[in-house]
C-alpha atoms as a PDB file:
ATOM      1  CA  UNK A   1       8.232  21.157  -2.516  1.00  0.00           C
ATOM      2  CA  UNK A   2       6.105  20.200   0.601  1.00  0.00           C
ATOM      3  CA  UNK A   3       3.208  22.165  -1.051  1.00  0.00           C
ATOM      4  CA  UNK A   4       3.438  20.030  -4.185  1.00  0.00           C
ATOM      5  CA  UNK A   5       3.483  16.860  -2.021  1.00  0.00           C
ATOM      6  CA  UNK A   6       0.473  18.084   0.101  1.00  0.00           C
ATOM      7  CA  UNK A   7      -1.519  18.800  -3.043  1.00  0.00           C
ATOM      8  CA  UNK A   8      -0.715  15.372  -4.527  1.00  0.00           C
ATOM      9  CA  UNK A   9      -1.492  13.636  -1.213  1.00  0.00           C
ATOM     10  CA  UNK A  10      -4.839  15.425  -0.908  1.00  0.00           C
ATOM     11  CA  UNK A  11      -5.762  14.443  -4.533  1.00  0.00           C
ATOM     12  CA  UNK A  12      -4.727  10.801  -4.017  1.00  0.00           C
ATOM     13  CA  UNK A  13      -6.718  10.456  -0.716  1.00  0.00           C
ATOM     14  CA  UNK A  14      -9.752  11.559  -2.693  1.00  0.00           C
ATOM     15  CA  UNK A  15      -9.171   9.171  -5.475  1.00  0.00           C
ATOM     16  CA  UNK A  16      -8.991   5.532  -4.414  1.00  0.00           C
ATOM     17  CA  UNK A  17      -9.856   4.500  -7.978  1.00  0.00           C
ATOM     18  CA  UNK A  18      -6.187   4.490  -8.784  1.00  0.00           C
ATOM     19  CA  UNK A  19      -6.045   0.931  -7.220  1.00  0.00           C
ATOM     20  CA  UNK A  20      -8.184  -0.263 -10.055  1.00  0.00           C
ATOM     21  CA  UNK A  21      -6.402  -2.533 -12.695  1.00  0.00           C
ATOM     22  CA  UNK A  22      -7.284  -0.203 -15.564  1.00  0.00           C
ATOM     23  CA  UNK A  23      -5.449   2.630 -13.918  1.00  0.00           C
ATOM     24  CA  UNK A  24      -2.022   1.088 -14.226  1.00  0.00           C
ATOM     25  CA  UNK A  25      -0.418   3.778 -16.245  1.00  0.00           C
ATOM     26  CA  UNK A  26      -1.682   6.525 -13.893  1.00  0.00           C
ATOM     27  CA  UNK A  27      -0.609   4.575 -10.903  1.00  0.00           C
ATOM     28  CA  UNK A  28       2.898   4.109 -12.130  1.00  0.00           C
ATOM     29  CA  UNK A  29       3.251   7.814 -13.078  1.00  0.00           C
ATOM     30  CA  UNK A  30       1.846   8.829  -9.615  1.00  0.00           C
ATOM     31  CA  UNK A  31       4.296   6.615  -7.876  1.00  0.00           C
ATOM     32  CA  UNK A  32       7.215   8.172  -9.807  1.00  0.00           C
ATOM     33  CA  UNK A  33       5.963  11.606  -8.637  1.00  0.00           C
ATOM     34  CA  UNK A  34       5.504  10.516  -5.120  1.00  0.00           C
ATOM     35  CA  UNK A  35       8.993   9.051  -4.975  1.00  0.00           C
ATOM     36  CA  UNK A  36      10.405  12.346  -6.141  1.00  0.00           C
ATOM     37  CA  UNK A  37       8.459  14.412  -3.793  1.00  0.00           C
ATOM     38  CA  UNK A  38       8.905  12.160  -0.775  1.00  0.00           C
ATOM     39  CA  UNK A  39      12.712  12.133  -1.379  1.00  0.00           C
ATOM     40  CA  UNK A  40      12.752  15.867  -1.226  1.00  0.00           C
ATOM     41  CA  UNK A  41      10.540  16.138   1.890  1.00  0.00           C
ATOM     42  CA  UNK A  42      11.458  15.852   5.558  1.00  0.00           C
ATOM     43  CA  UNK A  43       9.626  13.975   8.246  1.00  0.00           C
ATOM     44  CA  UNK A  44       6.125  14.629   9.633  1.00  0.00           C
ATOM     45  CA  UNK A  45       2.493  13.666   9.226  1.00  0.00           C
ATOM     46  CA  UNK A  46       2.378  14.589   5.599  1.00  0.00           C
ATOM     47  CA  UNK A  47       5.284  12.384   4.842  1.00  0.00           C
ATOM     48  CA  UNK A  48       3.649   9.501   6.742  1.00  0.00           C
ATOM     49  CA  UNK A  49       0.457  10.000   4.703  1.00  0.00           C
ATOM     50  CA  UNK A  50       2.429   9.929   1.458  1.00  0.00           C
ATOM     51  CA  UNK A  51       4.279   6.954   2.378  1.00  0.00           C
ATOM     52  CA  UNK A  52       0.998   5.105   3.298  1.00  0.00           C
ATOM     53  CA  UNK A  53      -0.484   5.936  -0.108  1.00  0.00           C
ATOM     54  CA  UNK A  54       2.704   4.850  -1.835  1.00  0.00           C
ATOM     55  CA  UNK A  55       2.557   1.385  -0.103  1.00  0.00           C
ATOM     56  CA  UNK A  56      -1.072   1.095  -1.081  1.00  0.00           C
ATOM     57  CA  UNK A  57      -0.415   1.856  -4.737  1.00  0.00           C
ATOM     58  CA  UNK A  58       2.789  -0.302  -4.770  1.00  0.00           C
ATOM     59  CA  UNK A  59       0.767  -3.258  -3.404  1.00  0.00           C
ATOM     60  CA  UNK A  60      -1.881  -2.823  -6.144  1.00  0.00           C
ATOM     61  CA  UNK A  61       0.754  -2.549  -8.807  1.00  0.00           C
ATOM     62  CA  UNK A  62       2.611  -5.662  -7.562  1.00  0.00           C
ATOM     63  CA  UNK A  63      -0.607  -7.715  -7.624  1.00  0.00           C
ATOM     64  CA  UNK A  64      -1.239  -6.656 -11.252  1.00  0.00           C
ATOM     65  CA  UNK A  65       2.478  -7.414 -12.308  1.00  0.00           C
ATOM     66  CA  UNK A  66       2.108 -10.815 -10.798  1.00  0.00           C
ATOM     67  CA  UNK A  67      -1.156 -11.383 -12.611  1.00  0.00           C
ATOM     68  CA  UNK A  68       0.688 -10.518 -15.931  1.00  0.00           C
ATOM     69  CA  UNK A  69       3.495 -12.916 -15.073  1.00  0.00           C
ATOM     70  CA  UNK A  70       1.038 -15.714 -14.511  1.00  0.00           C
ATOM     71  CA  UNK A  71      -0.563 -14.933 -17.880  1.00  0.00           C
ATOM     72  CA  UNK A  72       2.931 -15.183 -19.615  1.00  0.00           C
ATOM     73  CA  UNK A  73       3.656 -18.532 -17.944  1.00  0.00           C
ATOM     74  CA  UNK A  74       0.302 -19.803 -19.255  1.00  0.00           C
ATOM     75  CA  UNK A  75       1.037 -18.599 -22.746  1.00  0.00           C
ATOM     76  CA  UNK A  76      -1.330 -15.599 -22.805  1.00  0.00           C
ATOM     77  CA  UNK A  77       1.365 -12.893 -22.109  1.00  0.00           C
ATOM     78  CA  UNK A  78       0.663 -11.171 -25.405  1.00  0.00           C
ATOM     79  CA  UNK A  79      -2.847 -10.337 -24.603  1.00  0.00           C
ATOM     80  CA  UNK A  80      -1.912  -9.429 -21.064  1.00  0.00           C
ATOM     81  CA  UNK A  81       0.647  -6.834 -22.227  1.00  0.00           C
ATOM     82  CA  UNK A  82      -0.945  -5.726 -25.601  1.00  0.00           C
ATOM     83  CA  UNK A  83      -3.639  -3.632 -23.862  1.00  0.00           C
ATOM     84  CA  UNK A  84      -0.857  -1.394 -22.650  1.00  0.00           C
ATOM     85  CA  UNK A  85       0.943  -0.939 -25.963  1.00  0.00           C
ATOM     86  CA  UNK A  86      -0.844   2.332 -26.959  1.00  0.00           C
ATOM     87  CA  UNK A  87      -2.114   3.620 -23.620  1.00  0.00           C
ATOM     88  CA  UNK A  88      -1.151   7.224 -23.403  1.00  0.00           C
ATOM     89  CA  UNK A  89       0.202   7.323 -26.860  1.00  0.00           C
ATOM     90  CA  UNK A  90      -0.585  11.129 -27.360  1.00  0.00           C
ATOM     91  CA  UNK A  91       3.150  11.738 -26.513  1.00  0.00           C
ATOM     92  CA  UNK A  92       4.738   8.330 -26.796  1.00  0.00           C
ATOM     93  CA  UNK A  93       6.525   8.902 -30.185  1.00  0.00           C
ATOM     94  CA  UNK A  94       7.846  12.401 -29.373  1.00  0.00           C
ATOM     95  CA  UNK A  95      10.463  11.804 -26.702  1.00  0.00           C
ATOM     96  CA  UNK A  96      13.278   9.875 -28.596  1.00  0.00           C
ATOM     97  CA  UNK A  97      15.267   7.449 -26.406  1.00  0.00           C
ATOM     98  CA  UNK A  98      13.719   8.770 -23.068  1.00  0.00           C
ATOM     99  CA  UNK A  99      11.922   6.184 -20.870  1.00  0.00           C
ATOM    100  CA  UNK A 100       8.281   6.214 -19.817  1.00  0.00           C
ATOM    101  CA  UNK A 101       5.860   4.321 -17.538  1.00  0.00           C
ATOM    102  CA  UNK A 102       5.942   1.274 -19.886  1.00  0.00           C
ATOM    103  CA  UNK A 103       9.521   0.715 -18.905  1.00  0.00           C
ATOM    104  CA  UNK A 104       8.418   0.472 -15.242  1.00  0.00           C
ATOM    105  CA  UNK A 105       5.789  -1.989 -16.400  1.00  0.00           C
ATOM    106  CA  UNK A 106       8.285  -4.176 -18.154  1.00  0.00           C
ATOM    107  CA  UNK A 107      10.965  -4.006 -15.461  1.00  0.00           C
ATOM    108  CA  UNK A 108       8.273  -4.877 -12.863  1.00  0.00           C
ATOM    109  CA  UNK A 109       6.843  -7.803 -14.881  1.00  0.00           C
ATOM    110  CA  UNK A 110      10.093  -9.390 -16.075  1.00  0.00           C
ATOM    111  CA  UNK A 111      11.854 -11.113 -13.120  1.00  0.00           C
ATOM    112  CA  UNK A 112      15.483 -10.155 -13.907  1.00  0.00           C
ATOM    113  CA  UNK A 113      16.765 -10.026 -10.358  1.00  0.00           C
ATOM    114  CA  UNK A 114      20.032  -8.316  -9.812  1.00  0.00           C
ATOM    115  CA  UNK A 115      22.580  -9.353 -12.487  1.00  0.00           C
ATOM    116  CA  UNK A 116      26.178  -9.882 -11.376  1.00  0.00           C
ATOM    117  CA  UNK A 117      28.654  -7.033 -11.920  1.00  0.00           C
ATOM    118  CA  UNK A 118      29.402  -6.589 -15.607  1.00  0.00           C
ATOM    119  CA  UNK A 119      32.881  -6.754 -16.956  1.00  0.00           C
ATOM    120  CA  UNK A 120      34.724  -3.631 -18.184  1.00  0.00           C
ATOM    121  CA  UNK A 121      33.751  -2.550 -21.669  1.00  0.00           C
ATOM    122  CA  UNK A 122      36.154  -3.411 -24.527  1.00  0.00           C
ATOM    123  CA  UNK A 123      36.987  -0.762 -27.064  1.00  0.00           C
ATOM    124  CA  UNK A 124      34.144   0.002 -29.470  1.00  0.00           C
ATOM    125  CA  UNK A 125      31.673  -1.673 -27.196  1.00  0.00           C
ATOM    126  CA  UNK A 126      28.780   0.734 -26.081  1.00  0.00           C
ATOM    127  CA  UNK A 127      27.390   1.015 -22.437  1.00  0.00           C
ATOM    128  CA  UNK A 128      24.343  -1.020 -22.131  1.00  0.00           C
ATOM    129  CA  UNK A 129      20.931   0.583 -22.151  1.00  0.00           C
ATOM    130  CA  UNK A 130      17.576  -1.225 -22.838  1.00  0.00           C
ATOM    131  CA  UNK A 131      15.496  -0.167 -25.812  1.00  0.00           C
ATOM    132  CA  UNK A 132      12.582   1.998 -24.437  1.00  0.00           C
ATOM    133  CA  UNK A 133       9.651  -0.442 -24.047  1.00  0.00           C
ATOM    134  CA  UNK A 134       7.257   1.634 -26.196  1.00  0.00           C
ATOM    135  CA  UNK A 135       9.659   1.349 -29.099  1.00  0.00           C
ATOM    136  CA  UNK A 136       9.849  -2.502 -28.667  1.00  0.00           C
ATOM    137  CA  UNK A 137       6.033  -2.708 -28.636  1.00  0.00           C
ATOM    138  CA  UNK A 138       5.741  -0.446 -31.716  1.00  0.00           C
ATOM    139  CA  UNK A 139       8.410  -2.491 -33.551  1.00  0.00           C
ATOM    140  CA  UNK A 140       6.765  -5.805 -32.821  1.00  0.00           C
ATOM    141  CA  UNK A 141       3.386  -4.425 -34.076  1.00  0.00           C
ATOM    142  CA  UNK A 142       5.072  -3.194 -37.321  1.00  0.00           C
ATOM    143  CA  UNK A 143       6.995  -6.381 -37.845  1.00  0.00           C
ATOM    144  CA  UNK A 144       3.942  -8.703 -37.629  1.00  0.00           C
ATOM    145  CA  UNK A 145       6.139 -11.607 -36.784  1.00  0.00           C
ATOM    146  CA  UNK A 146       4.817 -15.288 -37.321  1.00  0.00           C
ATOM    147  CA  UNK A 147       6.009 -18.565 -35.910  1.00  0.00           C
ATOM    148  CA  UNK A 148       8.417 -18.893 -38.827  1.00  0.00           C
ATOM    149  CA  UNK A 149      10.359 -15.842 -37.655  1.00  0.00           C
ATOM    150  CA  UNK A 150      13.425 -15.605 -35.514  1.00  0.00           C
ATOM    151  CA  UNK A 151      14.355 -12.201 -34.186  1.00  0.00           C
ATOM    152  CA  UNK A 152      18.066 -12.028 -33.346  1.00  0.00           C
ATOM    153  CA  UNK A 153      19.162  -9.186 -30.990  1.00  0.00           C
ATOM    154  CA  UNK A 154      22.761  -8.468 -31.606  1.00  0.00           C
ATOM    155  CA  UNK A 155      24.000  -7.155 -28.251  1.00  0.00           C
ATOM    156  CA  UNK A 156      20.879  -8.074 -26.328  1.00  0.00           C
ATOM    157  CA  UNK A 157      21.928  -6.979 -22.806  1.00  0.00           C
ATOM    158  CA  UNK A 158      19.376  -8.285 -20.232  1.00  0.00           C
ATOM    159  CA  UNK A 159      17.253  -9.603 -23.064  1.00  0.00           C
ATOM    160  CA  UNK A 160      14.243  -7.184 -23.054  1.00  0.00           C
ATOM    161  CA  UNK A 161      13.670  -7.353 -26.905  1.00  0.00           C
ATOM    162  CA  UNK A 162      13.974 -11.236 -27.343  1.00  0.00           C
ATOM    163  CA  UNK A 163      11.867 -11.717 -24.167  1.00  0.00           C
ATOM    164  CA  UNK A 164       9.120  -9.324 -25.361  1.00  0.00           C
ATOM    165  CA  UNK A 165       9.367 -11.021 -28.778  1.00  0.00           C
ATOM    166  CA  UNK A 166       8.789 -14.463 -27.148  1.00  0.00           C
ATOM    167  CA  UNK A 167       6.010 -13.162 -24.931  1.00  0.00           C
ATOM    168  CA  UNK A 168       4.000 -11.074 -27.446  1.00  0.00           C
ATOM    169  CA  UNK A 169       4.449 -12.944 -30.745  1.00  0.00           C
ATOM    170  CA  UNK A 170       4.603 -16.381 -32.051  1.00  0.00           C
ATOM    171  CA  UNK A 171       8.169 -15.887 -33.151  1.00  0.00           C
ATOM    172  CA  UNK A 172      11.299 -17.009 -31.415  1.00  0.00           C
ATOM    173  CA  UNK A 173      13.487 -14.414 -29.717  1.00  0.00           C
ATOM    174  CA  UNK A 174      17.256 -15.000 -29.802  1.00  0.00           C
ATOM    175  CA  UNK A 175      19.681 -12.915 -27.882  1.00  0.00           C
ATOM    176  CA  UNK A 176      23.479 -12.691 -28.545  1.00  0.00           C
ATOM    177  CA  UNK A 177      25.379 -10.916 -25.693  1.00  0.00           C
ATOM    178  CA  UNK A 178      28.995 -10.794 -24.814  1.00  0.00           C
ATOM    179  CA  UNK A 179      28.592  -9.963 -21.067  1.00  0.00           C
ATOM    180  CA  UNK A 180      28.124 -13.283 -19.211  1.00  0.00           C
ATOM    181  CA  UNK A 181      26.230 -11.643 -16.198  1.00  0.00           C
ATOM    182  CA  UNK A 182      23.575 -10.287 -18.568  1.00  0.00           C
ATOM    183  CA  UNK A 183      23.162 -13.677 -20.412  1.00  0.00           C
ATOM    184  CA  UNK A 184      22.697 -15.444 -17.002  1.00  0.00           C
ATOM    185  CA  UNK A 185      20.033 -12.960 -15.988  1.00  0.00           C
ATOM    186  CA  UNK A 186      18.160 -13.188 -19.295  1.00  0.00           C
ATOM    187  CA  UNK A 187      18.208 -17.047 -19.236  1.00  0.00           C
ATOM    188  CA  UNK A 188      16.855 -17.074 -15.624  1.00  0.00           C
ATOM    189  CA  UNK A 189      14.118 -14.691 -16.633  1.00  0.00           C
ATOM    190  CA  UNK A 190      13.119 -16.787 -19.673  1.00  0.00           C
ATOM    191  CA  UNK A 191      13.122 -19.920 -17.367  1.00  0.00           C
ATOM    192  CA  UNK A 192      11.041 -18.230 -14.721  1.00  0.00           C
ATOM    193  CA  UNK A 193       8.419 -17.230 -17.270  1.00  0.00           C
ATOM    194  CA  UNK A 194       8.552 -20.647 -19.090  1.00  0.00           C
ATOM    195  CA  UNK A 195       9.419 -19.030 -22.433  1.00  0.00           C
ATOM    196  CA  UNK A 196      10.637 -21.941 -24.556  1.00  0.00           C
ATOM    197  CA  UNK A 197      10.828 -19.569 -27.568  1.00  0.00           C
ATOM    198  CA  UNK A 198      13.440 -17.339 -25.993  1.00  0.00           C
ATOM    199  CA  UNK A 199      17.094 -18.325 -26.128  1.00  0.00           C
ATOM    200  CA  UNK A 200      20.287 -16.477 -25.139  1.00  0.00           C
ATOM    201  CA  UNK A 201      23.846 -17.155 -25.987  1.00  0.00           C
ATOM    202  CA  UNK A 202      26.990 -15.632 -24.695  1.00  0.00           C
ATOM    203  CA  UNK A 203      29.446 -14.640 -27.233  1.00  0.00           C
ATOM    204  CA  UNK A 204      30.833 -12.042 -29.761  1.00  0.00           C
ATOM    205  CA  UNK A 205      28.191 -10.825 -32.229  1.00  0.00           C
ATOM    206  CA  UNK A 206      30.846 -11.155 -35.060  1.00  0.00           C
ATOM    207  CA  UNK A 207      30.692 -14.920 -34.503  1.00  0.00           C
ATOM    208  CA  UNK A 208      26.886 -15.304 -34.669  1.00  0.00           C
ATOM    209  CA  UNK A 209      25.276 -17.838 -36.918  1.00  0.00           C
ATOM    210  CA  UNK A 210      23.591 -15.208 -39.080  1.00  0.00           C
ATOM    211  CA  UNK A 211      21.748 -18.023 -41.015  1.00  0.00           C
ATOM    212  CA  UNK A 212      19.233 -18.445 -38.116  1.00  0.00           C
ATOM    213  CA  UNK A 213      17.584 -15.062 -38.159  1.00  0.00           C
ATOM    214  CA  UNK A 214      14.744 -13.603 -40.257  1.00  0.00           C
ATOM    215  CA  UNK A 215      15.006 -10.270 -38.375  1.00  0.00           C
ATOM    216  CA  UNK A 216      18.085  -8.732 -36.845  1.00  0.00           C
ATOM    217  CA  UNK A 217      18.008  -5.953 -34.242  1.00  0.00           C
ATOM    218  CA  UNK A 218      20.699  -3.571 -33.047  1.00  0.00           C
ATOM    219  CA  UNK A 219      20.493  -0.799 -30.542  1.00  0.00           C
ATOM    220  CA  UNK A 220      23.917   0.517 -31.393  1.00  0.00           C
ATOM    221  CA  UNK A 221      25.743  -2.085 -29.151  1.00  0.00           C
ATOM    222  CA  UNK A 222      29.065  -1.461 -30.748  1.00  0.00           C
ATOM    223  CA  UNK A 223      30.716   0.911 -33.186  1.00  0.00           C
ATOM    224  CA  UNK A 224      33.721   1.133 -35.517  1.00  0.00           C
ATOM    225  CA  UNK A 225      35.399  -1.995 -36.776  1.00  0.00           C
ATOM    226  CA  UNK A 226      33.076  -4.263 -34.782  1.00  0.00           C
ATOM    227  CA  UNK A 227      29.992  -2.737 -36.315  1.00  0.00           C
ATOM    228  CA  UNK A 228      31.560  -2.944 -39.806  1.00  0.00           C
ATOM    229  CA  UNK A 229      32.353  -6.592 -39.262  1.00  0.00           C
ATOM    230  CA  UNK A 230      28.815  -7.487 -38.161  1.00  0.00           C
ATOM    231  CA  UNK A 231      27.413  -5.504 -41.109  1.00  0.00           C
ATOM    232  CA  UNK A 232      29.756  -7.204 -43.581  1.00  0.00           C
ATOM    233  CA  UNK A 233      28.640 -10.590 -42.342  1.00  0.00           C
ATOM    234  CA  UNK A 234      24.960  -9.599 -42.730  1.00  0.00           C
ATOM    235  CA  UNK A 235      25.716  -8.428 -46.279  1.00  0.00           C
ATOM    236  CA  UNK A 236      27.128 -11.735 -46.998  1.00  0.00           C
ATOM    237  CA  UNK A 237      24.101 -13.482 -45.733  1.00  0.00           C
ATOM    238  CA  UNK A 238      21.880 -11.149 -47.738  1.00  0.00           C
ATOM    239  CA  UNK A 239      23.478 -12.472 -50.810  1.00  0.00           C
ATOM    240  CA  UNK A 240      21.836 -15.839 -50.066  1.00  0.00           C
ATOM    241  CA  UNK A 241      18.379 -14.826 -48.776  1.00  0.00           C
ATOM    242  CA  UNK A 242      16.046 -11.946 -47.785  1.00  0.00           C
ATOM    243  CA  UNK A 243      15.635 -10.708 -44.183  1.00  0.00           C
ATOM    244  CA  UNK A 244      15.092  -7.472 -42.240  1.00  0.00           C
ATOM    245  CA  UNK A 245      17.411  -5.454 -40.078  1.00  0.00           C
ATOM    246  CA  UNK A 246      16.120  -3.124 -37.431  1.00  0.00           C
ATOM    247  CA  UNK A 247      18.085  -0.462 -35.598  1.00  0.00           C
ATOM    248  CA  UNK A 248      17.802   2.275 -32.988  1.00  0.00           C
ATOM    249  CA  UNK A 249      20.324   4.893 -31.998  1.00  0.00           C
ATOM    250  CA  UNK A 250      23.379   6.217 -33.839  1.00  0.00           C
ATOM    251  CA  UNK A 251      24.001   3.035 -35.897  1.00  0.00           C
ATOM    252  CA  UNK A 252      20.759   3.715 -37.825  1.00  0.00           C
ATOM    253  CA  UNK A 253      22.656   6.302 -39.950  1.00  0.00           C
ATOM    254  CA  UNK A 254      25.302   3.704 -40.822  1.00  0.00           C
ATOM    255  CA  UNK A 255      22.664   1.145 -41.789  1.00  0.00           C
ATOM    256  CA  UNK A 256      20.786   3.700 -43.857  1.00  0.00           C
ATOM    257  CA  UNK A 257      23.998   4.274 -45.894  1.00  0.00           C
ATOM    258  CA  UNK A 258      24.332   0.527 -46.666  1.00  0.00           C
ATOM    259  CA  UNK A 259      23.683  -0.056 -50.457  1.00  0.00           C
ATOM    260  CA  UNK A 260      22.342  -3.581 -49.742  1.00  0.00           C
ATOM    261  CA  UNK A 261      19.570  -2.296 -47.451  1.00  0.00           C
ATOM    262  CA  UNK A 262      16.512  -0.268 -48.133  1.00  0.00           C
ATOM    263  CA  UNK A 263      14.390   1.428 -45.497  1.00  0.00           C
ATOM    264  CA  UNK A 264      10.769   0.335 -45.145  1.00  0.00           C
ATOM    265  CA  UNK A 265       9.738   3.711 -43.742  1.00  0.00           C
ATOM    266  CA  UNK A 266      10.845   7.335 -43.799  1.00  0.00           C
ATOM    267  CA  UNK A 267      13.656   7.921 -41.291  1.00  0.00           C
ATOM    268  CA  UNK A 268      12.465   8.911 -37.860  1.00  0.00           C
ATOM    269  CA  UNK A 269      14.650   9.680 -34.921  1.00  0.00           C
ATOM    270  CA  UNK A 270      12.114   8.743 -32.471  1.00  0.00           C
ATOM    271  CA  UNK A 271      11.283   5.338 -33.795  1.00  0.00           C
ATOM    272  CA  UNK A 272      13.102   2.047 -34.503  1.00  0.00           C
ATOM    273  CA  UNK A 273      14.137   1.939 -38.162  1.00  0.00           C
ATOM    274  CA  UNK A 274      13.282  -1.084 -40.272  1.00  0.00           C
ATOM    275  CA  UNK A 275      15.341  -2.043 -43.282  1.00  0.00           C
ATOM    276  CA  UNK A 276      14.972  -4.970 -45.720  1.00  0.00           C
ATOM    277  CA  UNK A 277      17.536  -6.595 -47.917  1.00  0.00           C
ATOM    278  CA  UNK A 278      17.436  -5.443 -51.515  1.00  0.00           C
ATOM    279  CA  UNK A 279      16.300  -7.998 -54.093  1.00  0.00           C
END
């Protein structure tokens, strides 16, 4: 393992260009490698060199994250983030629900802080995981949301999807989450970034005002009777108007079997599914 660290340190010491803003993806990926190698290496001069490089790259990354946050506060967050949507896309759609460097970007830019301890999960509730950032970016591009749209995330967790919707589009992002600690964190993040078009409510998804959304998103936040109740409520709303429903994870198969929904694309396990209500 020390040989791998030595080779990486040698390579990084020769390439100071990683400090450049356009090398953000490479810098994040190198930092991940450095963290893993440093953790497996003891003490000594090599470790000190590796730690010095890590500090330099972390400082450059922190400056860039802060610049993106400032752009968001000034209303230009979409442009600041959009340049990274497709960077390195040669493999981005082939790893399912795994995370990649874009998740480090999003977690570094969005000032969540440490949320309070979450409550114990009720039956049929699913352990929280954020949607991989590359899938959120891909979804927002496909949806082509306008200022007339409201994307409602049912089971929004820390609010990644509504926040990125508010940052990257003219639409409003609306998160419904039962865990109070997550809602407080999401609200604080939206306030810090001055996102007037991002809103979060604490409550049961079954009691949502479904009339407000033009797009609904679910990353399998619940199963069984809870999911059935939410889908039945959406089906009732579909009897009054058209909208889209997007899903990721195991609940996608359930939505695909709903007779009142039709898929906009061929099913793909490594991509968010988009359905529309039948006319």
